[in-house]
């Protein structure tokens, strides 16, 4: 019985300690739906106001963003003014999945770290958006830290982005022309048979 109480108390301390150090890193697309062959941006937003260390802090970490390269073309990443790269963006491909890795530092407690640029090159099925998967680039331990006053590690929650890609609609004039030509062809066929 005592072991269960200790385990419960330990879990409670872990959960409350984690909540007190809550942080998030989110991908925020400029639009939920974009048209095929159009460019759009995705903000990388940090909220680290509750992590250990001095505030305002200077935060940094390493991320990777993976996506389907048959649907999206990566056009670049730009850091917010005043931030620095731990390492510049690198791109790797495995099958249809492309992954962008980068490291940043000197980020404020909250705000935009940088902006990804993409072009929508494919079309998604209705209700099945493409996902931009955001993760820590480090596999074993969190790479994130508040550097003030002395590098204090934290583990943010990662929030992916979802984007629907629609086909480019034909202009109304092309629809009207197609309908008119179809009507003429049908009329001609009925005249021959009558």
Protein backbone atom coordinates (compact mmCIF):
# COMPACT_ATOMS: atom_id res chain seq x y z
CA UNK A 1 0.00 0.00 0.00
CA UNK A 2 2.83 2.36 0.87
CA UNK A 3 4.49 1.70 -2.51
CA UNK A 4 1.30 2.69 -4.31
CA UNK A 5 1.07 5.92 -2.30
CA UNK A 6 4.71 6.77 -3.04
CA UNK A 7 4.22 6.00 -6.72
CA UNK A 8 1.10 8.17 -6.81
CA UNK A 9 2.89 11.02 -5.02
CA UNK A 10 5.87 10.75 -7.37
CA UNK A 11 3.64 10.82 -10.45
CA UNK A 12 1.77 13.81 -9.05
CA UNK A 13 5.04 15.70 -8.52
CA UNK A 14 6.19 14.87 -12.04
CA UNK A 15 2.91 16.03 -13.57
CA UNK A 16 2.78 19.28 -11.59
CA UNK A 17 6.45 19.94 -12.29
CA UNK A 18 5.90 19.37 -15.99
CA UNK A 19 2.90 21.69 -16.03
CA UNK A 20 4.94 24.45 -14.37
CA UNK A 21 7.55 24.15 -17.11
CA UNK A 22 5.06 24.08 -20.00
CA UNK A 23 6.39 25.25 -23.33
CA UNK A 24 5.25 24.80 -26.91
CA UNK A 25 6.63 25.09 -30.39
CA UNK A 26 4.00 25.29 -33.13
CA UNK A 27 3.82 25.42 -36.90
CA UNK A 28 1.18 27.97 -37.94
CA UNK A 29 0.27 28.05 -41.67
CA UNK A 30 -0.75 31.35 -43.29
CA UNK A 31 -3.91 29.61 -44.57
CA UNK A 32 -5.70 26.35 -43.83
CA UNK A 33 -6.42 25.81 -47.53
CA UNK A 34 -4.15 26.84 -50.39
CA UNK A 35 -4.50 26.39 -54.14
CA UNK A 36 -2.21 24.14 -56.11
CA UNK A 37 0.85 25.97 -57.52
CA UNK A 38 0.53 28.79 -54.98
CA UNK A 39 3.10 29.86 -52.40
CA UNK A 40 2.32 30.07 -48.69
CA UNK A 41 4.21 30.46 -45.42
CA UNK A 42 4.28 28.61 -42.11
CA UNK A 43 5.37 30.44 -38.94
CA UNK A 44 7.44 28.62 -36.33
CA UNK A 45 6.10 30.02 -33.03
CA UNK A 46 7.63 29.50 -29.58
CA UNK A 47 5.97 29.91 -26.19
CA UNK A 48 8.53 29.37 -23.42
CA UNK A 49 7.28 31.89 -20.86
CA UNK A 50 6.90 29.21 -18.16
CA UNK A 51 10.24 27.39 -18.49
CA UNK A 52 12.99 27.54 -15.83
CA UNK A 53 15.53 30.33 -15.89
CA UNK A 54 15.48 34.10 -16.15
CA UNK A 55 12.69 35.87 -18.03
CA UNK A 56 12.83 37.35 -20.51
CA UNK A 57 15.01 34.46 -21.57
CA UNK A 58 17.11 33.46 -24.53
CA UNK A 59 15.90 30.13 -25.84
CA UNK A 60 17.23 27.76 -28.42
CA UNK A 61 16.88 24.29 -29.79
CA UNK A 62 17.02 22.06 -32.84
CA UNK A 63 14.01 20.97 -34.89
CA UNK A 64 13.06 18.88 -37.86
CA UNK A 65 10.00 19.38 -40.05
CA UNK A 66 8.92 16.51 -42.31
CA UNK A 67 6.37 16.64 -45.13
CA UNK A 68 5.27 14.90 -48.35
CA UNK A 69 7.42 16.29 -51.16
CA UNK A 70 4.85 15.20 -53.78
CA UNK A 71 2.46 17.77 -52.26
CA UNK A 72 4.79 20.53 -51.03
CA UNK A 73 7.99 22.12 -52.31
CA UNK A 74 10.24 23.65 -49.64
CA UNK A 75 11.32 27.15 -50.71
CA UNK A 76 13.34 28.23 -47.67
CA UNK A 77 13.41 29.37 -44.05
CA UNK A 78 14.15 32.82 -42.67
CA UNK A 79 14.88 33.57 -39.02
CA UNK A 80 13.28 36.47 -37.20
CA UNK A 81 15.67 39.44 -36.93
CA UNK A 82 18.01 39.14 -33.94
CA UNK A 83 17.98 35.34 -33.75
CA UNK A 84 20.86 33.13 -34.83
CA UNK A 85 21.30 29.69 -36.32
CA UNK A 86 22.94 26.95 -34.26
CA UNK A 87 23.12 25.29 -37.64
CA UNK A 88 21.59 26.40 -40.93
CA UNK A 89 18.70 24.50 -42.53
CA UNK A 90 19.61 21.21 -44.21
CA UNK A 91 17.25 19.15 -46.36
CA UNK A 92 17.19 15.36 -46.64
CA UNK A 93 14.85 13.11 -48.61
CA UNK A 94 13.70 9.55 -47.97
CA UNK A 95 11.12 8.25 -50.42
CA UNK A 96 8.34 10.85 -50.65
CA UNK A 97 9.25 12.40 -47.30
CA UNK A 98 11.44 15.48 -47.20
CA UNK A 99 12.85 16.71 -43.88
CA UNK A 100 14.23 20.15 -43.03
CA UNK A 101 16.52 20.32 -39.97
CA UNK A 102 17.76 23.48 -38.31
CA UNK A 103 18.91 24.84 -34.98
CA UNK A 104 18.16 28.31 -33.60
CA UNK A 105 19.08 30.39 -30.56
CA UNK A 106 18.44 33.80 -28.96
CA UNK A 107 14.63 33.41 -29.21
CA UNK A 108 12.46 35.45 -26.84
CA UNK A 109 9.99 33.87 -24.40
CA UNK A 110 7.14 34.07 -26.92
CA UNK A 111 6.86 34.91 -30.59
CA UNK A 112 7.81 33.87 -34.08
CA UNK A 113 11.18 32.15 -34.40
CA UNK A 114 11.13 32.15 -38.19
CA UNK A 115 9.09 31.55 -41.32
CA UNK A 116 9.10 28.53 -43.64
CA UNK A 117 8.17 29.13 -47.29
CA UNK A 118 6.45 26.43 -49.35
CA UNK A 119 4.72 25.99 -52.70
CA UNK A 120 1.75 23.64 -52.95
CA UNK A 121 2.49 21.36 -55.92
CA UNK A 122 0.01 18.53 -55.38
CA UNK A 123 -3.66 18.27 -54.44
CA UNK A 124 -5.02 16.70 -51.24
CA UNK A 125 -8.28 14.79 -50.99
CA UNK A 126 -11.12 16.70 -49.30
CA UNK A 127 -10.87 16.17 -45.55
CA UNK A 128 -7.34 14.73 -45.81
CA UNK A 129 -4.90 17.61 -45.34
CA UNK A 130 -1.17 17.20 -45.71
CA UNK A 131 0.72 17.32 -42.41
CA UNK A 132 3.91 19.21 -41.63
CA UNK A 133 5.34 17.12 -38.80
CA UNK A 134 7.37 19.11 -36.23
CA UNK A 135 9.75 17.28 -33.87
CA UNK A 136 12.87 17.80 -31.78
CA UNK A 137 15.90 17.04 -33.95
CA UNK A 138 17.52 15.25 -31.01
CA UNK A 139 16.38 11.65 -30.67
CA UNK A 140 17.70 10.89 -27.16
CA UNK A 141 17.06 14.03 -25.10
CA UNK A 142 15.54 17.46 -25.56
CA UNK A 143 17.76 19.90 -27.42
CA UNK A 144 15.89 22.92 -26.02
CA UNK A 145 17.23 25.24 -23.33
CA UNK A 146 16.86 28.67 -21.79
CA UNK A 147 20.42 30.03 -21.92
CA UNK A 148 19.81 32.60 -19.14
CA UNK A 149 21.30 32.52 -16.56
CA UNK A 150 22.83 29.12 -17.36
CA UNK A 151 21.61 26.63 -19.94
CA UNK A 152 18.49 25.09 -18.35
CA UNK A 153 16.88 22.35 -20.44
CA UNK A 154 13.17 22.11 -21.19
CA UNK A 155 11.00 19.93 -23.42
CA UNK A 156 8.35 21.78 -25.43
CA UNK A 157 5.15 20.30 -26.79
CA UNK A 158 5.36 20.15 -30.58
CA UNK A 159 2.30 21.19 -32.59
CA UNK A 160 2.12 20.11 -36.24
CA UNK A 161 0.47 22.06 -39.07
CA UNK A 162 -2.16 20.76 -41.47
CA UNK A 163 -2.84 22.27 -44.89
CA UNK A 164 -5.49 21.39 -47.48
CA UNK A 165 -4.44 21.85 -51.09
CA UNK A 166 -7.19 22.40 -53.66
CA UNK A 167 -6.98 22.17 -57.43
CA UNK A 168 -6.89 25.45 -59.31
CA UNK A 169 -10.43 26.11 -60.56
CA UNK A 170 -10.86 26.81 -64.25
CA UNK A 171 -11.85 30.39 -65.06
CA UNK A 172 -15.56 30.94 -65.77
CA UNK A 173 -14.86 31.83 -69.42
CA UNK A 174 -13.32 28.39 -70.03
CA UNK A 175 -16.35 26.71 -68.42
CA UNK A 176 -18.69 28.75 -70.63
CA UNK A 177 -16.67 27.99 -73.75
CA UNK A 178 -16.63 24.26 -72.92
CA UNK A 179 -20.38 24.25 -72.30
CA UNK A 180 -21.05 26.10 -75.56
CA UNK A 181 -18.85 23.74 -77.60
CA UNK A 182 -20.49 20.74 -75.94
CA UNK A 183 -23.93 22.14 -76.76
CA UNK A 184 -22.97 22.73 -80.42
CA UNK A 185 -21.58 19.20 -80.72
CA UNK A 186 -24.74 17.71 -79.23
CA UNK A 187 -26.97 19.81 -81.52
CA UNK A 188 -24.97 18.76 -84.56
CA UNK A 189 -25.24 15.09 -83.60
CA UNK A 190 -29.04 15.38 -83.12
CA UNK A 191 -29.44 17.14 -86.51
CA UNK A 192 -27.69 14.25 -88.30
CA UNK A 193 -29.90 11.61 -86.72
CA UNK A 194 -33.17 13.56 -87.29
